[in-house]
Amino acid sequence: MLSAETLAALLPTKTLEQSLFVFDEISSTNTFSLELAKNYAPQGTVVLADRQTAGRGRLQRPWFSPPAANIYGSLIFSFNDSFHALGWIPLMAGVAIAQAIEDATKISITLKWPNDILINERKVGGILCESFKKNSAETSVIIGFGLNINLSKSSFPKDLEQMATSLQIHALHPLDRYQLIQGIVSAIENGWEALNTQGPRACQLAYMGRCCTLGQKIVAQFPDGSTLEGTAKSIGDQGQLQMVPSPSEPRGQSARIVEVHAGDIRHIKKKPNR
């Protein structure tokens, strides 16, 4: 189980205030953080759990959350009306977490737009950002993340074993979760500061360099359920995915570029040559 005392000694404080909550078990670190932020939570509050009983990803999908093996966490931040980079928050978090993992493990990490953390096209983690208007001048945002750390191939349920992976599988040995948490929290704090002081440019090039969605044939599913097939081309100024529709698509006749601000992206795998 994670030790609050050990984490308190390891985690950076930097210029942000910091409160730390560590649970052996919780429904969801994001759910707890949202309730905490609605009352009062210092900037940079960290919530960690050894196990989640109702962990969730984007689109309310359940998140596989076994105990004593992975990292489940949320950080609480706030911003005022002068902040114009909301769409970049999950992308910044992806860059920060990917860099922290690589620094600790030397395992190459890529990012699937908008919030998946991958190793060789298999999902090793995910990011869930949620925000709400706290008052007329302030918005709170929760940066939640889940990472598969010390799981063997046989640990995954059947429906995940072909699409998920863990750091242990690629490192060939168990990893120190404390070291990873320390690096991830520090990297997200640095990324948050840069996003606030320098704007999206601070992470745009780094994100595009890691984003394995770019250049891929994809299917985008929009919040209304409609889909669009095409090629992912770039990331826009607001963090949106820019795609070129396939010529066979109705929108391919009228729009050279379609911007995806919210939705689910599926990479279309190339069929192997026979």
Protein backbone atom coordinates (compact mmCIF):
# COMPACT_ATOMS: atom_id res chain seq x y z
CA MET A 1 0.00 0.00 0.00
CA LEU A 2 1.12 3.56 -0.63
CA SER A 3 2.43 5.43 2.40
CA ALA A 4 1.25 9.02 2.88
CA GLU A 5 4.33 9.77 5.00
CA THR A 6 6.74 8.56 2.32
CA LEU A 7 4.90 10.48 -0.40
CA ALA A 8 4.75 13.68 1.65
CA ALA A 9 8.56 13.61 1.95
CA LEU A 10 9.05 12.94 -1.77
CA LEU A 11 6.58 15.21 -3.51
CA PRO A 12 7.69 18.64 -4.69
CA THR A 13 6.07 21.80 -3.36
CA LYS A 14 7.59 24.29 -5.83
CA THR A 15 5.69 27.58 -5.91
CA LEU A 16 2.29 25.92 -5.70
CA GLU A 17 0.58 25.24 -2.43
CA GLN A 18 0.13 21.56 -1.73
CA SER A 19 -2.21 19.27 0.18
CA LEU A 20 -1.91 15.50 -0.05
CA PHE A 21 -4.61 12.85 0.31
CA VAL A 22 -3.65 9.17 0.06
CA PHE A 23 -6.25 6.38 0.20
CA ASP A 24 -5.91 2.61 0.38
CA GLU A 25 -9.22 2.47 -1.50
CA ILE A 26 -11.55 5.08 -2.99
CA SER A 27 -14.33 5.11 -5.56
CA SER A 28 -12.44 7.52 -7.84
CA THR A 29 -9.69 10.06 -7.22
CA ASN A 30 -11.38 12.43 -9.69
CA THR A 31 -14.77 12.16 -7.96
CA PHE A 32 -13.19 12.91 -4.58
CA SER A 33 -11.15 15.78 -6.06
CA LEU A 34 -14.22 17.36 -7.67
CA GLU A 35 -16.03 17.42 -4.33
CA LEU A 36 -12.91 18.74 -2.62
CA ALA A 37 -12.50 21.53 -5.17
CA LYS A 38 -16.15 22.57 -4.84
CA ASN A 39 -15.46 23.42 -1.21
CA TYR A 40 -11.83 24.43 -0.91
CA ALA A 41 -8.62 22.86 -2.13
CA PRO A 42 -5.24 24.60 -2.38
CA GLN A 43 -3.64 24.95 -5.80
CA GLY A 44 -1.70 21.77 -6.56
CA THR A 45 -3.61 19.48 -4.17
CA VAL A 46 -2.71 15.83 -4.90
CA VAL A 47 -5.08 12.88 -4.41
CA LEU A 48 -3.70 9.34 -4.76
CA ALA A 49 -5.20 5.91 -4.24
CA ASP A 50 -3.89 2.37 -4.10
CA ARG A 51 -7.16 1.07 -5.53
CA GLN A 52 -10.28 2.53 -7.15
CA THR A 53 -13.65 0.81 -6.95
CA ALA A 54 -15.31 3.04 -9.55
CA GLY A 55 -12.44 4.37 -11.62
CA ARG A 56 -13.50 5.87 -14.92
CA GLY A 57 -12.03 7.16 -18.13
CA ARG A 58 -13.44 9.41 -20.81
CA LEU A 59 -17.07 8.88 -21.86
CA GLN A 60 -17.71 7.30 -18.42
CA ARG A 61 -15.90 4.11 -19.39
CA PRO A 62 -14.87 1.98 -16.40
CA TRP A 63 -11.14 1.94 -15.61
CA PHE A 64 -9.50 -1.36 -14.62
CA SER A 65 -8.15 -0.56 -11.14
CA PRO A 66 -6.61 -3.52 -9.28
CA PRO A 67 -4.96 -2.81 -5.89
CA ALA A 68 -1.28 -2.36 -4.95
CA ALA A 69 0.03 -2.43 -8.51
CA ASN A 70 -0.79 0.76 -10.38
CA ILE A 71 -0.99 4.53 -9.92
CA TYR A 72 -4.32 6.35 -9.71
CA GLY A 73 -4.13 10.06 -9.03
CA SER A 74 -5.65 13.51 -9.48
CA LEU A 75 -4.26 17.02 -9.16
CA ILE A 76 -6.40 20.10 -8.51
CA PHE A 77 -5.65 23.43 -10.19
CA SER A 78 -7.58 26.61 -10.86
CA PHE A 79 -7.41 29.41 -13.41
CA ASN A 80 -9.10 32.73 -14.10
CA ASP A 81 -10.78 34.20 -17.17
CA SER A 82 -7.48 35.30 -18.69
CA PHE A 83 -6.49 31.65 -19.23
CA HIS A 84 -7.22 30.52 -22.80
CA ALA A 85 -5.64 27.08 -23.01
CA LEU A 86 -8.35 24.76 -21.61
CA GLY A 87 -8.09 22.35 -24.53
CA TRP A 88 -4.36 21.99 -23.95
CA ILE A 89 -4.59 20.81 -20.34
CA PRO A 90 -4.97 17.06 -21.09
CA LEU A 91 -2.33 17.32 -23.82
CA MET A 92 0.08 19.05 -21.44
CA ALA A 93 -0.56 16.34 -18.85
CA GLY A 94 0.14 13.66 -21.46
CA VAL A 95 3.48 15.21 -22.36
CA ALA A 96 4.41 15.60 -18.68
CA ILE A 97 3.52 12.01 -17.76
CA ALA A 98 5.21 10.57 -20.85
CA GLN A 99 8.43 12.42 -20.10
CA ALA A 100 8.37 11.39 -16.44
CA ILE A 101 7.91 7.72 -17.40
CA GLU A 102 10.73 7.87 -19.94
CA ASP A 103 13.06 9.55 -17.44
CA ALA A 104 12.41 6.79 -14.90
CA THR A 105 12.27 3.74 -17.18
CA LYS A 106 13.81 4.59 -20.59
CA ILE A 107 10.67 3.07 -22.15
CA SER A 108 9.50 4.98 -25.23
CA ILE A 109 6.03 6.52 -24.72
CA THR A 110 3.65 7.87 -27.36
CA LEU A 111 0.35 9.74 -27.02
CA LYS A 112 -2.96 9.08 -28.78
CA TRP A 113 -5.14 12.16 -29.08
CA PRO A 114 -6.61 13.31 -26.80
CA ASN A 115 -5.77 11.37 -23.65
CA ASP A 116 -4.25 7.91 -24.11
CA ILE A 117 -0.71 7.01 -23.06
CA LEU A 118 0.70 4.20 -25.20
CA ILE A 119 3.60 1.79 -25.56
CA ASN A 120 3.78 0.24 -29.03
CA GLU A 121 0.13 1.18 -29.70
CA ARG A 122 -1.05 -0.52 -26.48
CA LYS A 123 -2.58 1.54 -23.73
CA VAL A 124 -0.50 1.87 -20.56
CA GLY A 125 -2.42 4.80 -19.11
CA GLY A 126 -5.04 7.47 -19.57
CA ILE A 127 -5.88 11.01 -18.57
CA LEU A 128 -9.26 12.40 -17.54
CA CYS A 129 -9.57 16.18 -17.10
CA GLU A 130 -12.75 17.62 -15.61
CA SER A 131 -13.52 21.27 -14.88
CA PHE A 132 -16.27 23.42 -13.43
CA LYS A 133 -16.90 27.12 -12.90
CA LYS A 134 -16.18 27.77 -9.24
CA ASN A 135 -17.34 31.38 -9.32
CA SER A 136 -17.64 34.23 -11.82
CA ALA A 137 -13.87 34.67 -12.01
CA GLU A 138 -12.41 31.23 -11.29
CA THR A 139 -12.56 27.76 -12.83
CA SER A 140 -11.28 24.59 -11.16
CA VAL A 141 -9.80 21.77 -13.18
CA ILE A 142 -9.00 18.21 -12.10
CA ILE A 143 -6.20 16.42 -13.93
CA GLY A 144 -6.78 12.73 -13.32
CA PHE A 145 -4.55 9.90 -14.50
CA GLY A 146 -4.31 6.14 -14.24
CA LEU A 147 -1.21 4.13 -15.13
CA ASN A 148 -0.64 0.39 -15.37
CA ILE A 149 2.63 -0.19 -13.52
CA ASN A 150 3.31 -3.61 -12.00
CA LEU A 151 0.93 -5.89 -13.87
CA SER A 152 1.83 -9.09 -15.71
CA LYS A 153 0.21 -10.04 -19.02
CA SER A 154 -2.02 -12.53 -17.22
CA SER A 155 -3.32 -9.81 -14.86
CA PHE A 156 -5.49 -8.17 -17.50
CA PRO A 157 -9.07 -9.29 -18.11
CA LYS A 158 -9.73 -10.97 -21.47
CA ASP A 159 -11.30 -7.87 -23.02
CA LEU A 160 -8.17 -5.80 -22.32
CA GLU A 161 -5.28 -8.20 -22.87
CA GLN A 162 -4.93 -7.35 -26.59
CA MET A 163 -5.12 -3.58 -26.15
CA ALA A 164 -3.55 -2.81 -22.74
CA THR A 165 -0.07 -3.19 -21.33
CA SER A 166 1.96 -2.23 -18.26
CA LEU A 167 5.37 -0.72 -17.58
CA GLN A 168 6.53 -3.93 -15.88
CA ILE A 169 5.88 -5.95 -19.04
CA HIS A 170 8.27 -3.73 -21.00
CA ALA A 171 10.83 -3.09 -18.26
CA LEU A 172 10.95 -6.83 -17.46
CA HIS A 173 10.94 -6.09 -13.73
CA PRO A 174 8.67 -4.38 -11.14
CA LEU A 175 8.99 -0.60 -10.87
CA ASP A 176 9.15 1.78 -7.92
CA ARG A 177 5.76 3.50 -7.79
CA TYR A 178 7.06 6.18 -5.43
CA GLN A 179 9.75 7.24 -7.90
CA LEU A 180 7.18 7.39 -10.70
CA ILE A 181 4.67 9.40 -8.64
CA GLN A 182 7.37 11.86 -7.64
CA GLY A 183 8.40 12.41 -11.26
CA ILE A 184 4.84 12.64 -12.58
CA VAL A 185 3.59 15.16 -10.01
CA SER A 186 6.67 17.32 -10.53
CA ALA A 187 6.31 17.17 -14.32
CA ILE A 188 2.61 18.10 -14.23
CA GLU A 189 3.34 21.03 -11.91
CA ASN A 190 6.06 22.24 -14.29
CA GLY A 191 3.75 21.79 -17.26
CA TRP A 192 0.96 23.71 -15.54
CA GLU A 193 3.29 26.60 -14.77
CA ALA A 194 4.57 26.70 -18.36
CA LEU A 195 1.03 26.58 -19.77
CA ASN A 196 0.05 29.54 -17.59
CA THR A 197 3.13 31.64 -18.23
CA GLN A 198 4.01 30.74 -21.82
CA GLY A 199 0.72 29.52 -23.29
CA PRO A 200 0.16 26.43 -25.48
CA ARG A 201 3.40 26.89 -27.38
CA ALA A 202 5.13 25.54 -24.27
CA CYS A 203 3.89 22.03 -25.03
CA GLN A 204 2.61 22.15 -28.62
CA LEU A 205 5.81 20.99 -30.31
CA ALA A 206 6.50 18.39 -27.61
CA TYR A 207 2.98 17.00 -27.94
CA MET A 208 3.05 16.85 -31.72
CA GLY A 209 6.39 15.08 -31.55
CA ARG A 210 4.88 12.34 -29.37
CA CYS A 211 1.39 12.11 -30.89
CA CYS A 212 1.13 8.81 -32.76
CA THR A 213 -2.34 9.81 -34.06
CA LEU A 214 -0.84 12.31 -36.51
CA GLY A 215 -0.45 10.84 -39.97
CA GLN A 216 -2.73 7.91 -39.14
CA LYS A 217 -5.88 6.83 -40.90
CA ILE A 218 -8.54 7.30 -38.22
CA VAL A 219 -12.24 7.13 -37.49
CA ALA A 220 -13.52 10.00 -35.33
CA GLN A 221 -16.72 9.48 -33.36
CA PHE A 222 -18.33 12.75 -32.32
CA PRO A 223 -20.40 13.36 -29.15
CA ASP A 224 -23.64 13.15 -31.19
CA GLY A 225 -22.71 9.62 -32.31
CA SER A 226 -21.80 10.51 -35.91
CA THR A 227 -18.50 9.27 -37.32
CA LEU A 228 -15.97 10.48 -39.86
CA GLU A 229 -13.11 8.61 -41.51
CA GLY A 230 -9.99 10.40 -42.66
CA THR A 231 -6.36 11.18 -41.92
CA ALA A 232 -5.13 13.00 -38.81
CA LYS A 233 -2.98 15.92 -39.93
CA SER A 234 -2.19 18.32 -37.10
CA ILE A 235 -3.09 19.83 -33.73
CA GLY A 236 -4.83 23.22 -33.80
CA ASP A 237 -4.19 26.26 -31.63
CA GLN A 238 -6.82 25.16 -29.10
CA GLY A 239 -5.58 21.57 -28.86
CA GLN A 240 -8.14 20.26 -31.34
CA LEU A 241 -7.33 17.46 -33.77
CA GLN A 242 -7.32 18.53 -37.40
CA MET A 243 -8.19 15.80 -39.90
CA VAL A 244 -8.67 15.51 -43.65
CA PRO A 245 -11.84 13.52 -44.46
CA SER A 246 -11.57 10.58 -46.83
CA PRO A 247 -12.81 11.40 -50.35
CA SER A 248 -15.62 8.86 -49.94
CA GLU A 249 -17.02 10.76 -46.94
CA PRO A 250 -19.80 13.31 -47.60
CA ARG A 251 -17.83 15.91 -45.66
CA GLY A 252 -14.81 15.09 -47.78
CA GLN A 253 -16.47 16.83 -50.70
CA SER A 254 -17.11 20.10 -48.87
CA ALA A 255 -14.45 20.42 -46.17
CA ARG A 256 -10.71 20.13 -46.69
CA ILE A 257 -10.08 20.15 -42.93
CA VAL A 258 -12.40 19.07 -40.10
CA GLU A 259 -11.53 20.10 -36.56
CA VAL A 260 -12.33 17.61 -33.79
CA HIS A 261 -12.65 19.40 -30.44
CA ALA A 262 -14.26 16.46 -28.62
CA GLY A 263 -14.77 12.85 -29.56
CA ASP A 264 -13.33 9.38 -29.62
CA ILE A 265 -10.56 8.45 -32.04
CA ARG A 266 -9.82 4.99 -33.40
CA HIS A 267 -6.66 4.29 -35.37
CA ILE A 268 -7.35 2.19 -38.45
CA LYS A 269 -4.75 -0.54 -38.40
CA LYS A 270 -3.00 -1.35 -41.63
CA LYS A 271 -3.54 -4.91 -42.77
CA PRO A 272 -0.29 -6.93 -42.83
CA ASN A 273 1.11 -7.80 -46.24
CA ARG A 274 0.57 -11.41 -47.24
